Protein backbone atom coordinates (compact mmCIF):
# COMPACT_ATOMS: atom_id res chain seq x y z
CA MET A 1 144.55 66.10 210.26
CA LYS A 2 141.77 67.11 212.65
CA ILE A 3 140.17 70.52 212.08
CA ILE A 4 137.39 72.50 213.71
CA CYS A 5 135.86 75.52 212.00
CA VAL A 6 134.33 78.13 214.28
CA GLY A 7 132.11 80.79 212.78
CA ASP A 8 129.50 81.52 210.16
CA ASN A 9 126.70 79.44 208.71
CA VAL A 10 124.29 80.84 206.13
CA VAL A 11 122.15 79.80 203.20
CA ASP A 12 123.19 81.39 199.91
CA CYS A 13 119.99 82.30 198.07
CA TYR A 14 120.32 82.10 194.28
CA LEU A 15 117.65 84.46 193.04
CA ASP A 16 117.63 83.21 189.46
CA GLN A 17 117.06 79.63 190.62
CA GLN A 18 114.76 80.36 193.58
CA THR A 19 117.05 77.94 195.39
CA TYR A 20 119.27 78.14 198.44
CA TYR A 21 122.46 76.26 199.28
CA PRO A 22 124.14 75.83 202.67
CA GLY A 23 127.27 77.92 202.99
CA GLY A 24 129.43 80.28 204.94
CA ASN A 25 133.22 80.13 205.07
CA ALA A 26 133.36 77.98 208.20
CA ILE A 27 130.78 75.47 206.91
CA ASN A 28 132.42 75.22 203.48
CA VAL A 29 135.91 74.70 204.88
CA ALA A 30 134.76 72.09 207.42
CA VAL A 31 132.82 70.05 204.85
CA ASN A 32 135.56 70.24 202.25
CA CYS A 33 138.29 69.25 204.72
CA ARG A 34 136.28 66.11 205.49
CA ARG A 35 135.76 65.43 201.79
CA PHE A 36 139.45 65.90 201.05
CA GLY A 37 140.71 63.47 203.67
CA ALA A 38 140.72 65.06 207.13
CA THR A 39 140.40 62.34 209.75
CA GLU A 40 137.99 64.56 211.68
CA ALA A 41 136.21 67.80 210.81
CA ALA A 42 133.90 69.70 213.12
CA TYR A 43 131.93 72.92 213.11
CA MET A 44 130.98 75.24 215.96
CA GLY A 45 128.78 78.28 215.52
CA ILE A 46 125.38 79.83 216.11
CA PHE A 47 122.38 78.41 214.28
CA GLY A 48 119.04 80.05 213.73
CA ASP A 49 115.85 78.18 214.58
CA ASP A 50 114.35 77.91 211.09
CA SER A 51 114.08 75.16 208.47
CA GLU A 52 117.19 76.48 206.75
CA ALA A 53 119.26 75.86 209.88
CA ASP A 54 117.79 72.36 210.07
CA HIS A 55 118.94 71.78 206.49
CA ILE A 56 122.47 72.95 207.27
CA LYS A 57 122.68 70.60 210.26
CA TRP A 58 121.33 67.73 208.15
CA VAL A 59 124.01 68.40 205.53
CA LEU A 60 126.77 68.42 208.16
CA THR A 61 125.53 65.05 209.41
CA GLN A 62 125.54 63.63 205.87
CA GLU A 63 129.11 64.83 205.39
CA GLY A 64 130.38 63.42 208.69
CA VAL A 65 130.99 66.85 210.25
CA SER A 66 130.07 67.19 213.93
CA TYR A 67 128.48 70.41 215.19
CA HIS A 68 128.98 69.63 218.88
CA GLY A 69 128.95 72.76 221.04
CA SER A 70 127.05 74.91 218.57
CA ARG A 71 124.37 77.25 219.86
CA VAL A 72 120.80 77.87 218.65
CA ILE A 73 119.03 81.20 218.97
CA SER A 74 115.55 82.43 218.11
CA ALA A 75 116.36 84.12 214.80
CA ALA A 76 116.50 83.40 211.09
CA SER A 77 119.57 81.96 209.41
CA GLY A 78 121.71 84.33 207.37
CA HIS A 79 120.26 84.72 203.86
CA PRO A 80 122.81 86.41 201.57
CA GLN A 81 121.33 86.86 198.11
CA VAL A 82 123.35 85.74 195.11
CA SER A 83 123.28 86.44 191.41
CA LEU A 84 125.43 84.70 188.81
CA THR A 85 127.15 86.30 185.83
CA ALA A 86 127.19 84.63 182.43
CA ASP A 87 130.67 83.28 183.25
CA GLY A 88 129.52 81.66 186.48
CA ASP A 89 131.01 84.25 188.83
CA ARG A 90 128.90 84.70 191.94
CA VAL A 91 127.93 88.20 193.00
CA PHE A 92 126.48 88.93 196.44
CA ILE A 93 123.73 91.54 196.32
CA GLY A 94 122.74 91.90 199.96
CA GLY A 95 120.21 90.23 202.21
CA PRO A 96 118.39 90.69 205.52
CA GLN A 97 120.45 92.18 208.37
CA ASP A 98 118.47 90.86 211.36
CA THR A 99 119.59 87.23 211.17
CA ALA A 100 121.51 85.02 213.61
CA GLN A 101 124.62 85.82 211.60
CA HIS A 102 124.26 89.54 212.31
CA ILE A 103 122.84 89.96 215.80
CA VAL A 104 125.05 87.69 217.94
CA ARG A 105 128.62 86.45 218.05
CA ILE A 106 129.89 83.30 219.71
CA ARG A 107 131.57 83.59 223.10
CA LEU A 108 133.77 80.61 223.87
CA THR A 109 133.67 79.00 227.31
CA GLY A 110 136.41 77.06 229.03
CA GLN A 111 134.64 73.88 228.00
CA ASP A 112 134.66 75.02 224.38
CA ILE A 113 138.38 75.76 224.51
CA ALA A 114 139.10 72.36 226.06
CA TYR A 115 137.19 70.72 223.20
CA ILE A 116 138.97 72.81 220.54
CA ARG A 117 142.33 71.87 222.06
CA GLY A 118 141.77 68.34 220.69
CA PHE A 119 142.09 69.56 217.08
CA ASP A 120 145.23 70.26 215.05
CA VAL A 121 143.78 73.43 213.53
CA CYS A 122 140.94 75.84 214.26
CA HIS A 123 139.79 77.80 211.20
CA SER A 124 137.70 80.96 211.19
CA SER A 125 137.29 84.13 209.17
CA CYS A 126 136.50 87.82 209.10
CA TYR A 127 132.81 86.91 208.66
CA SER A 128 132.49 85.29 212.06
CA GLY A 129 132.98 88.02 214.68
CA ILE A 130 135.59 85.79 216.28
CA GLU A 131 138.28 88.44 216.85
CA PRO A 132 137.77 88.74 220.66
CA GLU A 133 138.28 84.97 220.98
CA LEU A 134 141.46 84.63 218.91
CA ALA A 135 143.86 84.94 221.83
CA SER A 136 142.19 82.04 223.64
CA LEU A 137 142.02 79.99 220.45
CA SER A 138 145.71 80.50 219.72
CA GLU A 139 146.60 79.18 223.17
CA ALA A 140 144.57 76.05 222.48
CA THR A 141 145.70 75.12 218.94
CA ASN A 142 147.00 76.43 215.62
CA VAL A 143 144.67 79.04 214.16
CA SER A 144 143.86 79.51 210.48
CA PHE A 145 142.04 82.66 209.37
CA ASP A 146 140.51 83.86 206.13
CA PHE A 147 140.75 87.65 205.84
CA SER A 148 138.93 87.60 202.46
CA THR A 149 139.39 91.14 201.06
CA ARG A 150 140.12 92.73 204.46
CA HIS A 151 143.72 93.83 204.29
CA GLU A 152 143.63 97.09 206.24
CA PRO A 153 146.84 97.38 208.27
CA ASP A 154 144.99 97.93 211.56
CA TYR A 155 142.92 94.78 211.05
CA ILE A 156 145.94 92.66 210.15
CA ASP A 157 147.74 94.01 213.23
CA GLN A 158 144.75 92.97 215.35
CA VAL A 159 144.38 89.45 214.00
CA ALA A 160 147.74 88.22 212.70
CA PRO A 161 149.51 87.85 216.09
CA HIS A 162 147.19 84.93 216.88
CA LEU A 163 147.59 82.99 213.63
CA ARG A 164 149.68 80.24 212.10
CA TYR A 165 147.93 80.30 208.71
CA ALA A 166 146.55 83.45 207.05
CA PHE A 167 144.58 83.59 203.81
CA PHE A 168 143.52 86.60 201.73
CA SER A 169 141.67 87.31 198.50
CA GLY A 170 143.78 89.72 196.49
CA SER A 171 142.86 89.69 192.81
CA HIS A 172 142.49 93.47 192.97
CA LEU A 173 145.92 94.10 194.52
CA GLU A 174 149.30 94.90 192.97
CA MET A 175 152.29 92.67 193.69
CA ALA A 176 153.87 95.29 195.96
CA GLU A 177 150.71 95.27 198.07
CA LEU A 178 150.74 91.47 198.24
CA GLU A 179 154.34 91.46 199.39
CA GLU A 180 153.56 94.05 202.06
CA ILE A 181 150.73 91.88 203.42
CA VAL A 182 152.99 88.84 203.48
CA GLU A 183 155.82 90.71 205.21
CA THR A 184 153.48 92.11 207.85
CA CYS A 185 151.98 88.71 208.63
CA HIS A 186 155.41 87.06 208.86
CA SER A 187 156.50 89.78 211.27
CA TYR A 188 153.87 88.34 213.64
CA ASN A 189 155.28 84.81 213.15
CA VAL A 190 152.51 83.64 210.83
CA GLU A 191 154.03 80.55 209.21
CA VAL A 192 152.04 80.44 205.96
CA VAL A 193 150.43 83.41 204.19
CA GLY A 194 148.34 82.68 201.12
CA ILE A 195 146.71 85.15 198.74
CA THR A 196 144.39 83.86 196.03
CA ARG A 197 144.25 86.06 192.93
CA GLY A 198 141.44 84.73 190.75
CA SER A 199 142.65 83.91 187.23
CA GLU A 200 146.20 84.91 188.27
CA GLY A 201 146.46 81.92 190.60
CA ALA A 202 147.73 82.06 194.16
CA PHE A 203 150.71 83.72 195.81
CA PHE A 204 151.92 81.93 198.96
CA SER A 205 154.77 82.45 201.36
CA LYS A 206 156.09 80.02 203.94
CA SER A 207 158.40 81.70 206.44
CA GLY A 208 159.44 84.18 203.76
CA LYS A 209 159.93 81.71 200.89
CA HIS A 210 157.55 82.55 198.04
CA PHE A 211 155.50 80.19 195.86
CA MET A 212 153.27 80.84 192.85
CA GLN A 213 150.42 78.42 192.07
CA PRO A 214 148.67 78.72 188.67
CA VAL A 215 144.94 78.10 188.38
CA LYS A 216 143.74 74.74 187.09
CA SER A 217 141.28 74.53 184.24
CA ALA A 218 137.77 73.53 185.25
CA PHE A 219 136.00 71.10 182.92
CA ASN A 220 132.70 72.92 183.15
CA ILE A 221 132.48 76.16 185.13
CA VAL A 222 128.94 76.74 186.36
CA ASP A 223 129.52 78.57 189.66
CA THR A 224 132.62 79.94 191.41
CA MET A 225 130.90 80.00 194.81
CA GLY A 226 133.12 78.40 197.44
CA ALA A 227 136.17 77.90 195.22
CA GLY A 228 138.36 79.90 197.58
CA ASP A 229 137.06 77.98 200.60
CA SER A 230 137.75 74.74 198.76
CA PHE A 231 141.32 75.90 198.06
CA ILE A 232 141.88 76.68 201.74
CA ALA A 233 140.39 73.37 202.85
CA ALA A 234 142.46 71.26 200.46
CA PHE A 235 145.65 73.14 201.30
CA LEU A 236 145.20 72.79 205.06
CA THR A 237 144.15 69.13 204.87
CA HIS A 238 147.31 68.14 203.03
CA TYR A 239 149.87 70.65 204.30
CA VAL A 240 149.09 70.04 207.98
CA ASP A 241 149.45 66.32 207.33
CA GLY A 242 153.01 66.89 206.13
CA VAL A 243 152.57 67.15 202.36
CA PRO A 244 155.19 69.53 200.86
CA ILE A 245 153.79 72.99 200.25
CA THR A 246 154.17 72.84 196.46
CA GLU A 247 152.22 69.60 196.30
CA ALA A 248 149.58 70.89 198.74
CA LEU A 249 149.11 73.99 196.57
CA ASP A 250 148.74 71.92 193.41
CA ILE A 251 146.08 69.77 195.06
CA ALA A 252 144.32 72.88 196.35
CA ALA A 253 144.15 74.40 192.88
CA THR A 254 142.70 71.16 191.49
CA LYS A 255 140.01 71.03 194.20
CA ALA A 256 139.11 74.70 193.69
CA ALA A 257 138.57 74.03 189.97
CA TRP A 258 136.43 71.00 190.81
CA THR A 259 134.21 73.12 193.06
CA CYS A 260 133.39 75.40 190.11
CA GLY A 261 131.63 72.48 188.44
CA PHE A 262 128.51 72.51 190.64
CA PHE A 263 126.20 75.11 192.17
CA GLY A 264 126.67 76.33 195.72
CA GLY A 265 129.73 76.12 197.92
CA ILE A 266 129.10 72.45 198.81
CA GLY A 267 125.93 71.59 196.87
CA TYR A 268 122.71 70.41 198.58
CA PRO A 269 120.10 72.73 196.97
CA ARG A 270 116.71 73.45 198.48
CA PRO A 271 113.92 75.60 196.92
CA PHE A 272 112.82 78.84 198.54
CA GLU A 273 110.10 81.38 197.95
CA GLY A 274 110.81 85.08 197.82
């Protein structure tokens, strides 16, 4: 499976540790797909021009993830601030709003689309400002999209027509609401709709057939950052390669639990001052 992730890159700043970790949905999914067996994983997005962006690019190189076609602008990298609960749950508590992540969005050229056409899947998310580009992306390859907690009907109606794979975070939703989301997405010919539900596991539907995936126990939970991205990455890596959906979900749950055993979405800590 060959995947390209187009969208956000940030550094998650852990205030209690005075440490930052590379992250962002697109970065986490790209790196984890490569770790979990994708034959090729790439990233395309907009980098800042600071030392944090240099660290993110260095990490991508270490992990064998290309960032060909990415842009660089004169701005700071996104710096979401993070606090951890006693149970290891990560809580975002804001951050600066004048970063590369906030002030520009990527506009894809014909050359970009030609490059993306060489991948089996293009993944992005609601954090990436990619919505105006989805029509072009869907003509080039299969599109995967993480809605996170955005399940407003108008937003689903805007995005879902361009997708093959749709993912949501729905631990706060009732089953009737989950089923409504799934039905709406399938009405737009989305093949797979997946909703992770925290300790309740994951609820998936493939062309209207439903599947429940329990959570896997983590040996030592220190940080839940990136567990959902890890789940998505493991699922896509195996399902797109032809692994049956039940097996792909089981692998995804195992990888999500593994991710809870270290700090940051993909590791690679660096100290910061502030």
